[in-house]
């Protein structure tokens, strides 16, 4: 699990602390956005947007959709490379 950096100085932080905090915040944000985009892509599939099945089967559904997305993206990339 990745958590955002803890803010030690709330009021009047020193300049060196602000630089460190900003770099940590950017690193956390760049890691988090990949996960957020992945979840958003999965939610575009109707099977996950309106999942009414049993929770025990949700993991299998997610793996199947992730596999289809991966295959779709690979096919799209190879088609662009051929052009």
PDB file of N, CA and C in Angstrom:
ATOM      1  N   UNK A   1       0.840  -1.152   0.000  1.00  0.00           N
ATOM      2  CA  UNK A   1       0.000   0.000   0.000  1.00  0.00           C
ATOM      3  C   UNK A   1       0.900   1.234   0.000  1.00  0.00           C
ATOM      4  N   UNK A   2       0.521   2.210  -0.772  1.00  0.00           N
ATOM      5  CA  UNK A   2       1.266   3.458  -0.852  1.00  0.00           C
ATOM      6  C   UNK A   2       0.395   4.558  -0.273  1.00  0.00           C
ATOM      7  N   UNK A   3       0.925   5.277   0.692  1.00  0.00           N
ATOM      8  CA  UNK A   3       0.167   6.354   1.308  1.00  0.00           C
ATOM      9  C   UNK A   3       0.826   7.691   1.002  1.00  0.00           C
ATOM     10  N   UNK A   4       0.058   8.767   1.023  1.00  0.00           N
ATOM     11  CA  UNK A   4       0.663  10.083   0.772  1.00  0.00           C
ATOM     12  C   UNK A   4       1.639  10.439   1.891  1.00  0.00           C
ATOM     13  N   UNK A   5       2.600  11.301   1.613  1.00  0.00           N
ATOM     14  CA  UNK A   5       3.580  11.668   2.631  1.00  0.00           C
ATOM     15  C   UNK A   5       2.929  12.421   3.789  1.00  0.00           C
ATOM     16  N   UNK A   6       3.459  12.193   4.980  1.00  0.00           N
ATOM     17  CA  UNK A   6       2.963  12.871   6.176  1.00  0.00           C
ATOM     18  C   UNK A   6       3.486  14.304   6.203  1.00  0.00           C
ATOM     19  N   UNK A   7       2.628  15.219   6.526  1.00  0.00           N
ATOM     20  CA  UNK A   7       3.023  16.623   6.581  1.00  0.00           C
ATOM     21  C   UNK A   7       3.419  16.962   8.017  1.00  0.00           C
ATOM     22  N   UNK A   8       4.722  17.088   8.237  1.00  0.00           N
ATOM     23  CA  UNK A   8       5.254  17.313   9.574  1.00  0.00           C
ATOM     24  C   UNK A   8       5.011  18.746  10.041  1.00  0.00           C
ATOM     25  N   UNK A   9       5.284  19.720   9.173  1.00  0.00           N
ATOM     26  CA  UNK A   9       5.096  21.124   9.508  1.00  0.00           C
ATOM     27  C   UNK A   9       3.801  21.601   8.859  1.00  0.00           C
ATOM     28  N   UNK A  10       2.845  21.996   9.647  1.00  0.00           N
ATOM     29  CA  UNK A  10       1.581  22.464   9.076  1.00  0.00           C
ATOM     30  C   UNK A  10       1.619  23.964   8.798  1.00  0.00           C
ATOM     31  N   UNK A  11       2.287  24.714   9.659  1.00  0.00           N
ATOM     32  CA  UNK A  11       2.360  26.167   9.482  1.00  0.00           C
ATOM     33  C   UNK A  11       3.811  26.587   9.329  1.00  0.00           C
ATOM     34  N   UNK A  12       4.054  27.441   8.372  1.00  0.00           N
ATOM     35  CA  UNK A  12       5.390  28.012   8.125  1.00  0.00           C
ATOM     36  C   UNK A  12       6.498  26.953   8.007  1.00  0.00           C
ATOM     37  N   UNK A  13       6.369  26.026   7.069  1.00  0.00           N
ATOM     38  CA  UNK A  13       7.428  25.017   6.919  1.00  0.00           C
ATOM     39  C   UNK A  13       8.678  25.624   6.301  1.00  0.00           C
ATOM     40  N   UNK A  14       9.850  25.082   6.629  1.00  0.00           N
ATOM     41  CA  UNK A  14      11.081  25.582   6.002  1.00  0.00           C
ATOM     42  C   UNK A  14      11.104  25.229   4.512  1.00  0.00           C
ATOM     43  N   UNK A  15      11.876  25.976   3.744  1.00  0.00           N
ATOM     44  CA  UNK A  15      11.931  25.769   2.291  1.00  0.00           C
ATOM     45  C   UNK A  15      12.392  24.366   1.927  1.00  0.00           C
ATOM     46  N   UNK A  16      13.403  23.865   2.630  1.00  0.00           N
ATOM     47  CA  UNK A  16      13.916  22.532   2.308  1.00  0.00           C
ATOM     48  C   UNK A  16      12.841  21.472   2.512  1.00  0.00           C
ATOM     49  N   UNK A  17      11.974  21.666   3.519  1.00  0.00           N
ATOM     50  CA  UNK A  17      10.916  20.695   3.771  1.00  0.00           C
ATOM     51  C   UNK A  17       9.872  20.737   2.660  1.00  0.00           C
ATOM     52  N   UNK A  18       9.528  21.910   2.200  1.00  0.00           N
ATOM     53  CA  UNK A  18       8.550  22.044   1.119  1.00  0.00           C
ATOM     54  C   UNK A  18       9.020  21.327  -0.142  1.00  0.00           C
ATOM     55  N   UNK A  19      10.314  21.439  -0.464  1.00  0.00           N
ATOM     56  CA  UNK A  19      10.854  20.769  -1.650  1.00  0.00           C
ATOM     57  C   UNK A  19      10.759  19.256  -1.514  1.00  0.00           C
ATOM     58  N   UNK A  20      11.117  18.740  -0.354  1.00  0.00           N
ATOM     59  CA  UNK A  20      11.042  17.296  -0.127  1.00  0.00           C
ATOM     60  C   UNK A  20       9.588  16.824  -0.183  1.00  0.00           C
ATOM     61  N   UNK A  21       8.710  17.567   0.472  1.00  0.00           N
ATOM     62  CA  UNK A  21       7.298  17.197   0.503  1.00  0.00           C
ATOM     63  C   UNK A  21       6.708  17.184  -0.904  1.00  0.00           C
ATOM     64  N   UNK A  22       7.023  18.187  -1.701  1.00  0.00           N
ATOM     65  CA  UNK A  22       6.500  18.255  -3.074  1.00  0.00           C
ATOM     66  C   UNK A  22       6.995  17.084  -3.911  1.00  0.00           C
ATOM     67  N   UNK A  23       8.265  16.738  -3.784  1.00  0.00           N
ATOM     68  CA  UNK A  23       8.786  15.616  -4.573  1.00  0.00           C
ATOM     69  C   UNK A  23       8.138  14.303  -4.142  1.00  0.00           C
ATOM     70  N   UNK A  24       7.909  14.124  -2.843  1.00  0.00           N
ATOM     71  CA  UNK A  24       7.228  12.911  -2.371  1.00  0.00           C
ATOM     72  C   UNK A  24       5.783  12.883  -2.846  1.00  0.00           C
ATOM     73  N   UNK A  25       5.125  14.027  -2.819  1.00  0.00           N
ATOM     74  CA  UNK A  25       3.736  14.099  -3.241  1.00  0.00           C
ATOM     75  C   UNK A  25       3.596  13.783  -4.727  1.00  0.00           C
ATOM     76  N   UNK A  26       4.522  14.300  -5.533  1.00  0.00           N
ATOM     77  CA  UNK A  26       4.487  14.014  -6.971  1.00  0.00           C
ATOM     78  C   UNK A  26       4.740  12.540  -7.253  1.00  0.00           C
ATOM     79  N   UNK A  27       5.686  11.944  -6.528  1.00  0.00           N
ATOM     80  CA  UNK A  27       5.979  10.519  -6.719  1.00  0.00           C
ATOM     81  C   UNK A  27       4.753   9.685  -6.351  1.00  0.00           C
ATOM     82  N   UNK A  28       4.099  10.024  -5.264  1.00  0.00           N
ATOM     83  CA  UNK A  28       2.900   9.297  -4.851  1.00  0.00           C
ATOM     84  C   UNK A  28       1.788   9.467  -5.882  1.00  0.00           C
ATOM     85  N   UNK A  29       1.620  10.681  -6.366  1.00  0.00           N
ATOM     86  CA  UNK A  29       0.571  10.966  -7.337  1.00  0.00           C
ATOM     87  C   UNK A  29       0.788  10.205  -8.644  1.00  0.00           C
ATOM     88  N   UNK A  30       2.034  10.139  -9.093  1.00  0.00           N
ATOM     89  CA  UNK A  30       2.299   9.459 -10.364  1.00  0.00           C
ATOM     90  C   UNK A  30       2.072   7.952 -10.247  1.00  0.00           C
ATOM     91  N   UNK A  31       2.322   7.382  -9.069  1.00  0.00           N
ATOM     92  CA  UNK A  31       2.032   5.955  -8.872  1.00  0.00           C
ATOM     93  C   UNK A  31       0.532   5.724  -8.770  1.00  0.00           C
ATOM     94  N   UNK A  32      -0.156   6.628  -8.112  1.00  0.00           N
ATOM     95  CA  UNK A  32      -1.582   6.454  -7.883  1.00  0.00           C
ATOM     96  C   UNK A  32      -2.387   6.603  -9.168  1.00  0.00           C
ATOM     97  N   UNK A  33      -1.982   7.483 -10.059  1.00  0.00           N
ATOM     98  CA  UNK A  33      -2.763   7.739 -11.269  1.00  0.00           C
ATOM     99  C   UNK A  33      -2.825   6.491 -12.146  1.00  0.00           C
ATOM    100  N   UNK A  34      -1.766   5.687 -12.150  1.00  0.00           N
ATOM    101  CA  UNK A  34      -1.791   4.442 -12.935  1.00  0.00           C
ATOM    102  C   UNK A  34      -2.895   3.514 -12.439  1.00  0.00           C
ATOM    103  N   UNK A  35      -3.015   3.400 -11.132  1.00  0.00           N
ATOM    104  CA  UNK A  35      -4.046   2.543 -10.547  1.00  0.00           C
ATOM    105  C   UNK A  35      -5.427   3.107 -10.840  1.00  0.00           C
ATOM    106  N   UNK A  36      -5.581   4.419 -10.693  1.00  0.00           N
ATOM    107  CA  UNK A  36      -6.877   5.050 -10.952  1.00  0.00           C
ATOM    108  C   UNK A  36      -7.308   4.847 -12.406  1.00  0.00           C
ATOM    109  N   UNK A  37      -6.387   4.988 -13.337  1.00  0.00           N
ATOM    110  CA  UNK A  37      -6.727   4.769 -14.749  1.00  0.00           C
ATOM    111  C   UNK A  37      -7.090   3.310 -15.002  1.00  0.00           C
ATOM    112  N   UNK A  38      -6.372   2.399 -14.376  1.00  0.00           N
ATOM    113  CA  UNK A  38      -6.694   0.978 -14.527  1.00  0.00           C
ATOM    114  C   UNK A  38      -8.092   0.661 -14.035  1.00  0.00           C
ATOM    115  N   UNK A  39      -8.460   1.200 -12.883  1.00  0.00           N
ATOM    116  CA  UNK A  39      -9.803   0.980 -12.347  1.00  0.00           C
ATOM    117  C   UNK A  39     -10.847   1.604 -13.263  1.00  0.00           C
ATOM    118  N   UNK A  40     -10.562   2.778 -13.787  1.00  0.00           N
ATOM    119  CA  UNK A  40     -11.511   3.432 -14.692  1.00  0.00           C
ATOM    120  C   UNK A  40     -11.726   2.607 -15.957  1.00  0.00           C
ATOM    121  N   UNK A  41     -10.655   2.041 -16.513  1.00  0.00           N
ATOM    122  CA  UNK A  41     -10.801   1.202 -17.707  1.00  0.00           C
ATOM    123  C   UNK A  41     -11.668  -0.014 -17.404  1.00  0.00           C
ATOM    124  N   UNK A  42     -11.462  -0.605 -16.243  1.00  0.00           N
ATOM    125  CA  UNK A  42     -12.263  -1.779 -15.892  1.00  0.00           C
ATOM    126  C   UNK A  42     -13.734  -1.424 -15.719  1.00  0.00           C
ATOM    127  N   UNK A  43     -14.016  -0.254 -15.179  1.00  0.00           N
ATOM    128  CA  UNK A  43     -15.408   0.137 -14.942  1.00  0.00           C
ATOM    129  C   UNK A  43     -16.154   0.442 -16.232  1.00  0.00           C
ATOM    130  N   UNK A  44     -15.441   0.604 -17.338  1.00  0.00           N
ATOM    131  CA  UNK A  44     -16.117   0.805 -18.620  1.00  0.00           C
ATOM    132  C   UNK A  44     -16.815  -0.462 -19.084  1.00  0.00           C
ATOM    133  N   UNK A  45     -16.460  -1.589 -18.518  1.00  0.00           N
ATOM    134  CA  UNK A  45     -17.089  -2.846 -18.887  1.00  0.00           C
ATOM    135  C   UNK A  45     -18.379  -3.005 -18.087  1.00  0.00           C
ATOM    136  N   UNK A  46     -19.446  -3.299 -18.768  1.00  0.00           N
ATOM    137  CA  UNK A  46     -20.753  -3.418 -18.125  1.00  0.00           C
ATOM    138  C   UNK A  46     -20.759  -4.463 -17.016  1.00  0.00           C
ATOM    139  N   UNK A  47     -19.985  -5.529 -17.191  1.00  0.00           N
ATOM    140  CA  UNK A  47     -19.948  -6.586 -16.185  1.00  0.00           C
ATOM    141  C   UNK A  47     -19.468  -6.064 -14.838  1.00  0.00           C
ATOM    142  N   UNK A  48     -18.654  -5.025 -14.834  1.00  0.00           N
ATOM    143  CA  UNK A  48     -18.171  -4.469 -13.574  1.00  0.00           C
ATOM    144  C   UNK A  48     -18.930  -3.217 -13.163  1.00  0.00           C
ATOM    145  N   UNK A  49     -19.426  -2.472 -14.143  1.00  0.00           N
ATOM    146  CA  UNK A  49     -20.148  -1.245 -13.810  1.00  0.00           C
ATOM    147  C   UNK A  49     -21.429  -1.570 -13.043  1.00  0.00           C
ATOM    148  N   UNK A  50     -22.058  -2.662 -13.414  1.00  0.00           N
ATOM    149  CA  UNK A  50     -23.299  -3.077 -12.748  1.00  0.00           C
ATOM    150  C   UNK A  50     -23.176  -4.524 -12.315  1.00  0.00           C
ATOM    151  N   UNK A  51     -22.238  -4.771 -11.467  1.00  0.00           N
ATOM    152  CA  UNK A  51     -22.005  -6.153 -11.025  1.00  0.00           C
ATOM    153  C   UNK A  51     -23.085  -6.566 -10.033  1.00  0.00           C
ATOM    154  N   UNK A  52     -23.884  -7.556 -10.425  1.00  0.00           N
ATOM    155  CA  UNK A  52     -24.949  -8.046  -9.561  1.00  0.00           C
ATOM    156  C   UNK A  52     -24.704  -9.491  -9.147  1.00  0.00           C
ATOM    157  N   UNK A  53     -23.566 -10.024  -9.549  1.00  0.00           N
ATOM    158  CA  UNK A  53     -23.263 -11.418  -9.219  1.00  0.00           C
ATOM    159  C   UNK A  53     -22.714 -11.576  -7.815  1.00  0.00           C
ATOM    160  N   UNK A  54     -22.291 -12.773  -7.537  1.00  0.00           N
ATOM    161  CA  UNK A  54     -21.735 -13.076  -6.219  1.00  0.00           C
ATOM    162  C   UNK A  54     -20.331 -12.514  -6.101  1.00  0.00           C
ATOM    163  N   UNK A  55     -19.992 -12.085  -4.908  1.00  0.00           N
ATOM    164  CA  UNK A  55     -18.658 -11.522  -4.685  1.00  0.00           C
ATOM    165  C   UNK A  55     -17.563 -12.547  -4.909  1.00  0.00           C
ATOM    166  N   UNK A  56     -17.860 -13.793  -4.677  1.00  0.00           N
ATOM    167  CA  UNK A  56     -16.858 -14.837  -4.854  1.00  0.00           C
ATOM    168  C   UNK A  56     -16.390 -14.912  -6.309  1.00  0.00           C
ATOM    169  N   UNK A  57     -17.247 -14.524  -7.246  1.00  0.00           N
ATOM    170  CA  UNK A  57     -16.920 -14.595  -8.668  1.00  0.00           C
ATOM    171  C   UNK A  57     -16.347 -13.283  -9.214  1.00  0.00           C
ATOM    172  N   UNK A  58     -16.343 -12.227  -8.423  1.00  0.00           N
ATOM    173  CA  UNK A  58     -15.881 -10.925  -8.888  1.00  0.00           C
ATOM    174  C   UNK A  58     -14.408 -10.959  -9.289  1.00  0.00           C
ATOM    175  N   UNK A  59     -13.590 -11.656  -8.526  1.00  0.00           N
ATOM    176  CA  UNK A  59     -12.167 -11.750  -8.858  1.00  0.00           C
ATOM    177  C   UNK A  59     -11.943 -12.395 -10.215  1.00  0.00           C
ATOM    178  N   UNK A  60     -12.698 -13.445 -10.510  1.00  0.00           N
ATOM    179  CA  UNK A  60     -12.582 -14.104 -11.812  1.00  0.00           C
ATOM    180  C   UNK A  60     -13.029 -13.171 -12.939  1.00  0.00           C
ATOM    181  N   UNK A  61     -14.096 -12.414 -12.684  1.00  0.00           N
ATOM    182  CA  UNK A  61     -14.596 -11.475 -13.690  1.00  0.00           C
ATOM    183  C   UNK A  61     -13.563 -10.388 -13.969  1.00  0.00           C
ATOM    184  N   UNK A  62     -12.955  -9.861 -12.915  1.00  0.00           N
ATOM    185  CA  UNK A  62     -11.940  -8.821 -13.084  1.00  0.00           C
ATOM    186  C   UNK A  62     -10.742  -9.353 -13.856  1.00  0.00           C
ATOM    187  N   UNK A  63     -10.295 -10.561 -13.523  1.00  0.00           N
ATOM    188  CA  UNK A  63      -9.156 -11.152 -14.250  1.00  0.00           C
ATOM    189  C   UNK A  63      -9.481 -11.360 -15.714  1.00  0.00           C
ATOM    190  N   UNK A  64     -10.695 -11.800 -16.013  1.00  0.00           N
ATOM    191  CA  UNK A  64     -11.077 -12.025 -17.402  1.00  0.00           C
ATOM    192  C   UNK A  64     -11.103 -10.704 -18.178  1.00  0.00           C
ATOM    193  N   UNK A  65     -11.675  -9.669 -17.578  1.00  0.00           N
ATOM    194  CA  UNK A  65     -11.754  -8.376 -18.250  1.00  0.00           C
ATOM    195  C   UNK A  65     -10.368  -7.766 -18.404  1.00  0.00           C
ATOM    196  N   UNK A  66      -9.526  -7.897 -17.369  1.00  0.00           N
ATOM    197  CA  UNK A  66      -8.153  -7.378 -17.465  1.00  0.00           C
ATOM    198  C   UNK A  66      -7.399  -8.084 -18.583  1.00  0.00           C
ATOM    199  N   UNK A  67      -7.608  -9.376 -18.741  1.00  0.00           N
ATOM    200  CA  UNK A  67      -6.975 -10.104 -19.834  1.00  0.00           C
ATOM    201  C   UNK A  67      -7.450  -9.627 -21.191  1.00  0.00           C
ATOM    202  N   UNK A  68      -8.755  -9.385 -21.301  1.00  0.00           N
ATOM    203  CA  UNK A  68      -9.300  -8.873 -22.562  1.00  0.00           C
ATOM    204  C   UNK A  68      -8.756  -7.482 -22.869  1.00  0.00           C
ATOM    205  N   UNK A  69      -8.668  -6.620 -21.850  1.00  0.00           N
ATOM    206  CA  UNK A  69      -8.111  -5.282 -22.051  1.00  0.00           C
ATOM    207  C   UNK A  69      -6.658  -5.355 -22.491  1.00  0.00           C
ATOM    208  N   UNK A  70      -5.906  -6.222 -21.861  1.00  0.00           N
ATOM    209  CA  UNK A  70      -4.499  -6.367 -22.209  1.00  0.00           C
ATOM    210  C   UNK A  70      -4.356  -6.836 -23.656  1.00  0.00           C
ATOM    211  N   UNK A  71      -5.164  -7.808 -24.042  1.00  0.00           N
ATOM    212  CA  UNK A  71      -5.130  -8.311 -25.417  1.00  0.00           C
ATOM    213  C   UNK A  71      -5.534  -7.212 -26.396  1.00  0.00           C
ATOM    214  N   UNK A  72      -6.558  -6.447 -26.037  1.00  0.00           N
ATOM    215  CA  UNK A  72      -7.036  -5.364 -26.902  1.00  0.00           C
ATOM    216  C   UNK A  72      -5.953  -4.300 -27.084  1.00  0.00           C
ATOM    217  N   UNK A  73      -5.275  -3.925 -26.000  1.00  0.00           N
ATOM    218  CA  UNK A  73      -4.232  -2.906 -26.086  1.00  0.00           C
ATOM    219  C   UNK A  73      -3.036  -3.408 -26.883  1.00  0.00           C
ATOM    220  N   UNK A  74      -2.696  -4.679 -26.733  1.00  0.00           N
ATOM    221  CA  UNK A  74      -1.593  -5.256 -27.497  1.00  0.00           C
ATOM    222  C   UNK A  74      -1.923  -5.258 -28.980  1.00  0.00           C
ATOM    223  N   UNK A  75      -3.160  -5.618 -29.315  1.00  0.00           N
ATOM    224  CA  UNK A  75      -3.576  -5.636 -30.719  1.00  0.00           C
ATOM    225  C   UNK A  75      -3.565  -4.226 -31.304  1.00  0.00           C
ATOM    226  N   UNK A  76      -3.993  -3.258 -30.517  1.00  0.00           N
ATOM    227  CA  UNK A  76      -4.012  -1.867 -30.989  1.00  0.00           C
ATOM    228  C   UNK A  76      -2.591  -1.365 -31.236  1.00  0.00           C
ATOM    229  N   UNK A  77      -1.675  -1.669 -30.313  1.00  0.00           N
ATOM    230  CA  UNK A  77      -0.284  -1.234 -30.479  1.00  0.00           C
ATOM    231  C   UNK A  77       0.359  -1.858 -31.703  1.00  0.00           C
ATOM    232  N   UNK A  78       0.134  -3.153 -31.905  1.00  0.00           N
ATOM    233  CA  UNK A  78       0.757  -3.819 -33.045  1.00  0.00           C
ATOM    234  C   UNK A  78       0.168  -3.306 -34.355  1.00  0.00           C
ATOM    235  N   UNK A  79      -1.117  -2.938 -34.368  1.00  0.00           N
ATOM    236  CA  UNK A  79      -1.724  -2.374 -35.573  1.00  0.00           C
ATOM    237  C   UNK A  79      -1.113  -1.016 -35.899  1.00  0.00           C
ATOM    238  N   UNK A  80      -0.850  -0.208 -34.861  1.00  0.00           N
ATOM    239  CA  UNK A  80      -0.229   1.106 -35.085  1.00  0.00           C
ATOM    240  C   UNK A  80       1.212   0.967 -35.547  1.00  0.00           C
ATOM    241  N   UNK A  81       1.910  -0.033 -35.080  1.00  0.00           N
ATOM    242  CA  UNK A  81       3.295  -0.234 -35.471  1.00  0.00           C
ATOM    243  C   UNK A  81       3.419  -0.677 -36.926  1.00  0.00           C
ATOM    244  N   UNK A  82       2.416  -1.393 -37.417  1.00  0.00           N
ATOM    245  CA  UNK A  82       2.437  -1.871 -38.797  1.00  0.00           C
ATOM    246  C   UNK A  82       2.233  -0.722 -39.790  1.00  0.00           C
ATOM    247  N   UNK A  83       1.577   0.336 -39.359  1.00  0.00           N
ATOM    248  CA  UNK A  83       1.245   1.432 -40.280  1.00  0.00           C
ATOM    249  C   UNK A  83       2.423   2.260 -40.609  1.00  0.00           C
TER     250      UNK A  83
END
